[in-house]
Amino acid sequence: MHKQSYSQPFYKDEQYCKSCHNEFSPGFGAMVVDTWGEWEKSSFNNPENPKKRRGCIACHMHGDISKIGEDVPGISTDGGRVKKNVVTHQVTGANHFLVGLRNPELEKMSIELLKTSASLEQSIT
């Protein structure tokens, strides 16, 4: 049942994520959250270097945030076959507070992922 329901090809396409994670106000038509647009303009969407490109699934549904970009083999369901790469529904790196309400370990993972997502430089002039 799981394979038939959740192993459909469209689940591997980040366009599927866009359908829910871009939010707009239906009454005014104003964009409220533009997660997809932010990603499109980010260094994670790197069409010149596909090895550096990271879509939603690669980071937010990765089985081990310390190994992003690498496959994490494993079993996703009891009695299931060993897969080359298992994705999870941990949704790390999203709203760490909400994730933390479910599980403090997921909150910790989210914060660790967020720390790797950007770097800042400062200078005093």
N, C-alpha and C. Protein backbone atom coordinates (compact mmCIF):
# COMPACT_ATOMS: atom_id res chain seq x y z
N MET A 1 0.82 -1.20 0.00
CA MET A 1 0.00 0.00 0.00
C MET A 1 0.86 1.26 0.00
N HIS A 2 1.89 1.30 0.88
CA HIS A 2 2.74 2.49 0.96
C HIS A 2 3.40 2.76 -0.39
N LYS A 3 3.95 1.73 -1.01
CA LYS A 3 4.63 1.90 -2.29
C LYS A 3 3.68 2.44 -3.35
N GLN A 4 2.47 1.89 -3.41
CA GLN A 4 1.50 2.33 -4.41
C GLN A 4 1.06 3.77 -4.17
N SER A 5 0.91 4.15 -2.90
CA SER A 5 0.42 5.49 -2.58
C SER A 5 1.51 6.55 -2.59
N TYR A 6 2.68 6.23 -2.03
CA TYR A 6 3.67 7.26 -1.77
C TYR A 6 4.94 7.16 -2.61
N SER A 7 5.03 6.22 -3.49
CA SER A 7 6.22 6.09 -4.32
C SER A 7 5.94 6.53 -5.75
N GLN A 8 5.06 7.47 -5.91
CA GLN A 8 4.73 7.99 -7.23
C GLN A 8 5.85 8.92 -7.72
N PRO A 9 6.11 8.95 -9.02
CA PRO A 9 7.20 9.78 -9.56
C PRO A 9 7.09 11.26 -9.19
N PHE A 10 5.87 11.80 -9.09
CA PHE A 10 5.75 13.24 -8.82
C PHE A 10 6.26 13.63 -7.44
N TYR A 11 6.37 12.68 -6.51
CA TYR A 11 6.92 12.99 -5.19
C TYR A 11 8.41 13.31 -5.25
N LYS A 12 9.07 12.96 -6.33
CA LYS A 12 10.50 13.23 -6.47
C LYS A 12 10.77 14.58 -7.13
N ASP A 13 9.72 15.27 -7.53
CA ASP A 13 9.84 16.55 -8.22
C ASP A 13 9.54 17.69 -7.25
N GLU A 14 10.49 18.60 -7.07
CA GLU A 14 10.30 19.70 -6.12
C GLU A 14 9.13 20.61 -6.49
N GLN A 15 8.67 20.55 -7.73
CA GLN A 15 7.49 21.33 -8.11
C GLN A 15 6.29 20.95 -7.23
N TYR A 16 6.28 19.71 -6.77
CA TYR A 16 5.21 19.24 -5.88
C TYR A 16 5.26 20.02 -4.56
N CYS A 17 6.45 20.29 -4.06
CA CYS A 17 6.61 21.05 -2.81
C CYS A 17 6.08 22.48 -2.99
N LYS A 18 6.36 23.03 -4.16
CA LYS A 18 5.96 24.41 -4.46
C LYS A 18 4.45 24.62 -4.31
N SER A 19 3.68 23.60 -4.63
CA SER A 19 2.22 23.76 -4.62
C SER A 19 1.68 24.11 -3.24
N CYS A 20 2.36 23.71 -2.17
CA CYS A 20 1.90 24.04 -0.82
C CYS A 20 2.76 25.09 -0.12
N HIS A 21 4.03 25.18 -0.49
CA HIS A 21 4.94 26.02 0.26
C HIS A 21 5.12 27.41 -0.30
N ASN A 22 4.36 27.77 -1.32
CA ASN A 22 4.20 29.15 -1.72
C ASN A 22 2.78 29.51 -1.32
N GLU A 23 2.66 30.49 -0.47
CA GLU A 23 1.34 30.83 0.06
C GLU A 23 0.95 32.24 -0.37
N PHE A 24 -0.30 32.38 -0.75
CA PHE A 24 -0.79 33.70 -1.11
C PHE A 24 -2.15 33.91 -0.49
N SER A 25 -2.50 35.16 -0.38
CA SER A 25 -3.80 35.53 0.18
C SER A 25 -4.83 35.50 -0.93
N PRO A 26 -5.80 34.58 -0.87
CA PRO A 26 -6.75 34.47 -1.97
C PRO A 26 -7.59 35.73 -2.18
N GLY A 27 -7.91 36.43 -1.10
CA GLY A 27 -8.72 37.64 -1.22
C GLY A 27 -8.01 38.75 -1.95
N PHE A 28 -6.75 38.96 -1.62
CA PHE A 28 -5.99 40.06 -2.20
C PHE A 28 -5.01 39.60 -3.28
N GLY A 29 -4.75 38.30 -3.32
CA GLY A 29 -3.81 37.77 -4.30
C GLY A 29 -2.37 38.09 -3.98
N ALA A 30 -2.10 38.56 -2.77
CA ALA A 30 -0.74 38.92 -2.38
C ALA A 30 0.04 37.68 -1.95
N MET A 31 1.30 37.62 -2.35
CA MET A 31 2.17 36.54 -1.92
C MET A 31 2.50 36.74 -0.45
N VAL A 32 2.23 35.73 0.36
CA VAL A 32 2.50 35.80 1.80
C VAL A 32 3.84 35.13 2.10
N VAL A 33 4.06 33.96 1.55
CA VAL A 33 5.32 33.23 1.71
C VAL A 33 5.76 32.78 0.32
N ASP A 34 6.99 33.11 -0.04
CA ASP A 34 7.51 32.78 -1.36
C ASP A 34 8.71 31.85 -1.24
N THR A 35 8.52 30.72 -0.56
CA THR A 35 9.61 29.79 -0.32
C THR A 35 10.25 29.33 -1.62
N TRP A 36 9.43 29.00 -2.59
CA TRP A 36 9.95 28.52 -3.88
C TRP A 36 10.75 29.62 -4.57
N GLY A 37 10.22 30.82 -4.60
CA GLY A 37 10.92 31.94 -5.22
C GLY A 37 12.24 32.25 -4.55
N GLU A 38 12.26 32.16 -3.22
CA GLU A 38 13.50 32.38 -2.49
C GLU A 38 14.53 31.32 -2.86
N TRP A 39 14.08 30.06 -2.95
CA TRP A 39 14.99 28.99 -3.33
C TRP A 39 15.50 29.20 -4.75
N GLU A 40 14.61 29.57 -5.68
CA GLU A 40 15.02 29.77 -7.08
C GLU A 40 16.14 30.80 -7.21
N LYS A 41 16.13 31.81 -6.34
CA LYS A 41 17.13 32.87 -6.40
C LYS A 41 18.36 32.57 -5.55
N SER A 42 18.34 31.45 -4.86
CA SER A 42 19.43 31.14 -3.92
C SER A 42 20.57 30.37 -4.60
N SER A 43 21.66 30.24 -3.86
CA SER A 43 22.81 29.48 -4.36
C SER A 43 22.53 27.98 -4.38
N PHE A 44 21.45 27.53 -3.72
CA PHE A 44 21.10 26.10 -3.72
C PHE A 44 20.51 25.68 -5.07
N ASN A 45 19.95 26.62 -5.82
CA ASN A 45 19.47 26.35 -7.17
C ASN A 45 20.58 26.79 -8.12
N ASN A 46 21.51 25.90 -8.38
CA ASN A 46 22.70 26.24 -9.14
C ASN A 46 22.69 25.50 -10.48
N PRO A 47 22.01 26.08 -11.48
CA PRO A 47 21.93 25.37 -12.76
C PRO A 47 23.27 25.24 -13.48
N GLU A 48 24.24 26.14 -13.19
CA GLU A 48 25.54 26.04 -13.84
C GLU A 48 26.35 24.87 -13.31
N ASN A 49 26.11 24.47 -12.07
CA ASN A 49 26.85 23.37 -11.47
C ASN A 49 25.85 22.42 -10.80
N PRO A 50 25.32 21.46 -11.55
CA PRO A 50 24.30 20.56 -11.00
C PRO A 50 24.73 19.81 -9.74
N LYS A 51 26.04 19.61 -9.53
CA LYS A 51 26.50 18.92 -8.33
C LYS A 51 26.26 19.76 -7.07
N LYS A 52 26.17 21.07 -7.24
CA LYS A 52 25.93 21.95 -6.09
C LYS A 52 24.44 22.24 -5.89
N ARG A 53 23.61 21.84 -6.84
CA ARG A 53 22.18 22.11 -6.74
C ARG A 53 21.57 21.26 -5.63
N ARG A 54 20.79 21.88 -4.77
CA ARG A 54 20.08 21.18 -3.70
C ARG A 54 18.63 21.65 -3.73
N GLY A 55 17.74 20.71 -4.01
CA GLY A 55 16.32 21.01 -3.98
C GLY A 55 15.74 20.77 -2.60
N CYS A 56 14.47 20.97 -2.46
CA CYS A 56 13.77 20.83 -1.17
C CYS A 56 14.01 19.47 -0.53
N ILE A 57 13.82 18.42 -1.31
CA ILE A 57 13.89 17.05 -0.79
C ILE A 57 15.31 16.73 -0.32
N ALA A 58 16.32 17.21 -1.05
CA ALA A 58 17.70 16.88 -0.73
C ALA A 58 18.10 17.31 0.67
N CYS A 59 17.54 18.41 1.16
CA CYS A 59 17.91 18.89 2.50
C CYS A 59 16.82 18.64 3.54
N HIS A 60 15.60 19.01 3.22
CA HIS A 60 14.53 18.98 4.21
C HIS A 60 13.96 17.59 4.47
N MET A 61 14.26 16.63 3.60
CA MET A 61 13.77 15.27 3.82
C MET A 61 14.91 14.26 3.82
N HIS A 62 16.12 14.72 4.06
CA HIS A 62 17.29 13.85 4.05
C HIS A 62 17.35 13.05 5.34
N GLY A 63 17.79 11.82 5.22
CA GLY A 63 17.85 10.93 6.37
C GLY A 63 18.93 11.27 7.38
N ASP A 64 19.97 12.00 6.96
CA ASP A 64 21.06 12.34 7.87
C ASP A 64 21.62 13.69 7.43
N ILE A 65 21.34 14.73 8.21
CA ILE A 65 21.73 16.08 7.78
C ILE A 65 23.24 16.27 7.72
N SER A 66 23.99 15.38 8.35
CA SER A 66 25.45 15.50 8.27
C SER A 66 25.99 14.92 6.96
N LYS A 67 25.11 14.31 6.16
CA LYS A 67 25.54 13.67 4.91
C LYS A 67 24.75 14.18 3.71
N ILE A 68 24.31 15.43 3.76
CA ILE A 68 23.54 15.97 2.63
C ILE A 68 24.40 15.91 1.37
N GLY A 69 23.81 15.43 0.31
CA GLY A 69 24.52 15.22 -0.94
C GLY A 69 24.97 13.78 -1.12
N GLU A 70 24.86 12.99 -0.06
CA GLU A 70 25.21 11.57 -0.13
C GLU A 70 23.94 10.74 0.06
N ASP A 71 23.91 9.58 -0.53
CA ASP A 71 22.80 8.67 -0.30
C ASP A 71 22.89 8.07 1.10
N VAL A 72 21.74 7.86 1.71
CA VAL A 72 21.67 7.19 3.01
C VAL A 72 20.82 5.94 2.81
N PRO A 73 21.46 4.77 2.66
CA PRO A 73 20.70 3.55 2.43
C PRO A 73 19.93 3.13 3.68
N GLY A 74 18.83 2.45 3.48
CA GLY A 74 18.07 1.97 4.61
C GLY A 74 16.70 1.44 4.20
N ILE A 75 15.91 1.14 5.20
CA ILE A 75 14.55 0.62 5.01
C ILE A 75 13.57 1.67 5.50
N SER A 76 12.57 1.99 4.69
CA SER A 76 11.62 3.03 5.09
C SER A 76 10.36 2.49 5.76
N THR A 77 10.09 1.22 5.62
CA THR A 77 8.91 0.63 6.25
C THR A 77 9.27 -0.74 6.83
N ASP A 78 8.56 -1.15 7.85
CA ASP A 78 8.79 -2.47 8.43
C ASP A 78 8.63 -3.54 7.35
N GLY A 79 9.63 -4.38 7.22
CA GLY A 79 9.56 -5.45 6.23
C GLY A 79 9.86 -5.01 4.81
N GLY A 80 10.18 -3.71 4.63
CA GLY A 80 10.45 -3.20 3.29
C GLY A 80 11.84 -3.57 2.80
N ARG A 81 12.07 -3.33 1.55
CA ARG A 81 13.37 -3.63 0.96
C ARG A 81 14.36 -2.53 1.32
N VAL A 82 15.64 -2.85 1.26
CA VAL A 82 16.69 -1.85 1.48
C VAL A 82 16.76 -0.96 0.24
N LYS A 83 16.65 0.33 0.47
CA LYS A 83 16.70 1.30 -0.62
C LYS A 83 18.08 1.96 -0.67
N LYS A 84 18.42 2.44 -1.85
CA LYS A 84 19.70 3.14 -2.04
C LYS A 84 19.73 4.42 -1.21
N ASN A 85 18.61 5.11 -1.15
CA ASN A 85 18.52 6.37 -0.40
C ASN A 85 17.12 6.49 0.19
N VAL A 86 17.06 6.66 1.49
CA VAL A 86 15.78 6.78 2.17
C VAL A 86 15.53 8.25 2.50
N VAL A 87 14.38 8.75 2.13
CA VAL A 87 13.98 10.10 2.55
C VAL A 87 13.07 9.99 3.76
N THR A 88 13.05 11.03 4.55
CA THR A 88 12.26 11.02 5.78
C THR A 88 11.25 12.15 5.77
N HIS A 89 10.38 12.14 6.71
CA HIS A 89 9.42 13.23 6.87
C HIS A 89 9.75 14.06 8.09
N GLN A 90 11.05 14.18 8.39
CA GLN A 90 11.49 14.98 9.52
C GLN A 90 11.35 16.47 9.24
N VAL A 91 11.43 16.86 7.97
CA VAL A 91 11.33 18.24 7.51
C VAL A 91 12.27 19.14 8.32
N THR A 92 13.50 18.70 8.47
CA THR A 92 14.47 19.50 9.21
C THR A 92 14.75 20.81 8.50
N GLY A 93 15.09 21.81 9.28
CA GLY A 93 15.45 23.11 8.72
C GLY A 93 14.26 23.99 8.44
N ALA A 94 13.08 23.50 8.67
CA ALA A 94 11.90 24.34 8.48
C ALA A 94 11.73 25.19 9.75
N ASN A 95 10.56 25.28 10.27
CA ASN A 95 10.32 26.02 11.50
C ASN A 95 10.78 25.16 12.67
N HIS A 96 11.96 25.44 13.19
CA HIS A 96 12.53 24.57 14.22
C HIS A 96 11.68 24.53 15.48
N PHE A 97 10.96 25.61 15.77
CA PHE A 97 10.11 25.61 16.96
C PHE A 97 8.96 24.61 16.82
N LEU A 98 8.27 24.66 15.68
CA LEU A 98 7.14 23.74 15.48
C LEU A 98 7.61 22.29 15.43
N VAL A 99 8.74 22.05 14.75
CA VAL A 99 9.29 20.69 14.69
C VAL A 99 9.66 20.25 16.11
N GLY A 100 10.20 21.17 16.90
CA GLY A 100 10.60 20.86 18.27
C GLY A 100 9.45 20.51 19.18
N LEU A 101 8.26 21.00 18.87
CA LEU A 101 7.09 20.63 19.67
C LEU A 101 6.80 19.14 19.55
N ARG A 102 7.10 18.58 18.37
CA ARG A 102 6.92 17.15 18.14
C ARG A 102 8.02 16.33 18.77
N ASN A 103 9.26 16.85 18.63
CA ASN A 103 10.40 16.05 19.04
C ASN A 103 11.62 16.96 19.24
N PRO A 104 12.14 17.06 20.45
CA PRO A 104 13.30 17.92 20.69
C PRO A 104 14.53 17.57 19.84
N GLU A 105 14.69 16.30 19.51
CA GLU A 105 15.82 15.89 18.67
C GLU A 105 15.68 16.47 17.25
N LEU A 106 14.45 16.52 16.73
CA LEU A 106 14.23 17.11 15.41
C LEU A 106 14.50 18.61 15.44
N GLU A 107 14.18 19.26 16.55
CA GLU A 107 14.48 20.69 16.68
C GLU A 107 15.99 20.90 16.61
N LYS A 108 16.74 20.08 17.31
CA LYS A 108 18.20 20.16 17.30
C LYS A 108 18.73 19.95 15.88
N MET A 109 18.19 18.96 15.17
CA MET A 109 18.62 18.70 13.80
C MET A 109 18.31 19.89 12.90
N SER A 110 17.14 20.51 13.10
CA SER A 110 16.76 21.66 12.29
C SER A 110 17.71 22.82 12.49
N ILE A 111 18.05 23.08 13.74
CA ILE A 111 18.98 24.18 14.03
C ILE A 111 20.33 23.90 13.41
N GLU A 112 20.82 22.66 13.50
CA GLU A 112 22.11 22.30 12.89
C GLU A 112 22.08 22.50 11.38
N LEU A 113 20.98 22.11 10.73
CA LEU A 113 20.86 22.29 9.29
C LEU A 113 20.84 23.77 8.94
N LEU A 114 20.08 24.56 9.69
CA LEU A 114 20.01 26.00 9.43
C LEU A 114 21.38 26.66 9.56
N LYS A 115 22.19 26.20 10.48
CA LYS A 115 23.53 26.76 10.66
C LYS A 115 24.41 26.53 9.44
N THR A 116 24.13 25.50 8.66
CA THR A 116 24.96 25.22 7.48
C THR A 116 24.41 25.87 6.22
N SER A 117 23.27 26.51 6.29
CA SER A 117 22.61 26.99 5.07
C SER A 117 23.10 28.34 4.59
N ALA A 118 23.79 29.08 5.42
CA ALA A 118 24.26 30.40 5.00
C ALA A 118 25.48 30.78 5.82
N SER A 119 26.24 31.70 5.28
CA SER A 119 27.34 32.25 6.05
C SER A 119 27.25 33.78 5.95
N LEU A 120 27.64 34.42 7.00
CA LEU A 120 27.59 35.87 7.06
C LEU A 120 28.98 36.42 7.30
N GLU A 121 29.25 37.55 6.70
CA GLU A 121 30.49 38.25 6.96
C GLU A 121 30.13 39.63 7.47
N GLN A 122 30.92 40.12 8.38
CA GLN A 122 30.68 41.47 8.87
C GLN A 122 31.98 42.24 8.88
N SER A 123 31.85 43.50 8.75
CA SER A 123 33.04 44.35 8.85
C SER A 123 32.63 45.66 9.50
N ILE A 124 33.55 46.22 10.22
CA ILE A 124 33.33 47.51 10.85
C ILE A 124 34.16 48.52 10.09
N THR A 125 33.49 49.52 9.59
CA THR A 125 34.22 50.54 8.83
C THR A 125 34.20 51.86 9.53
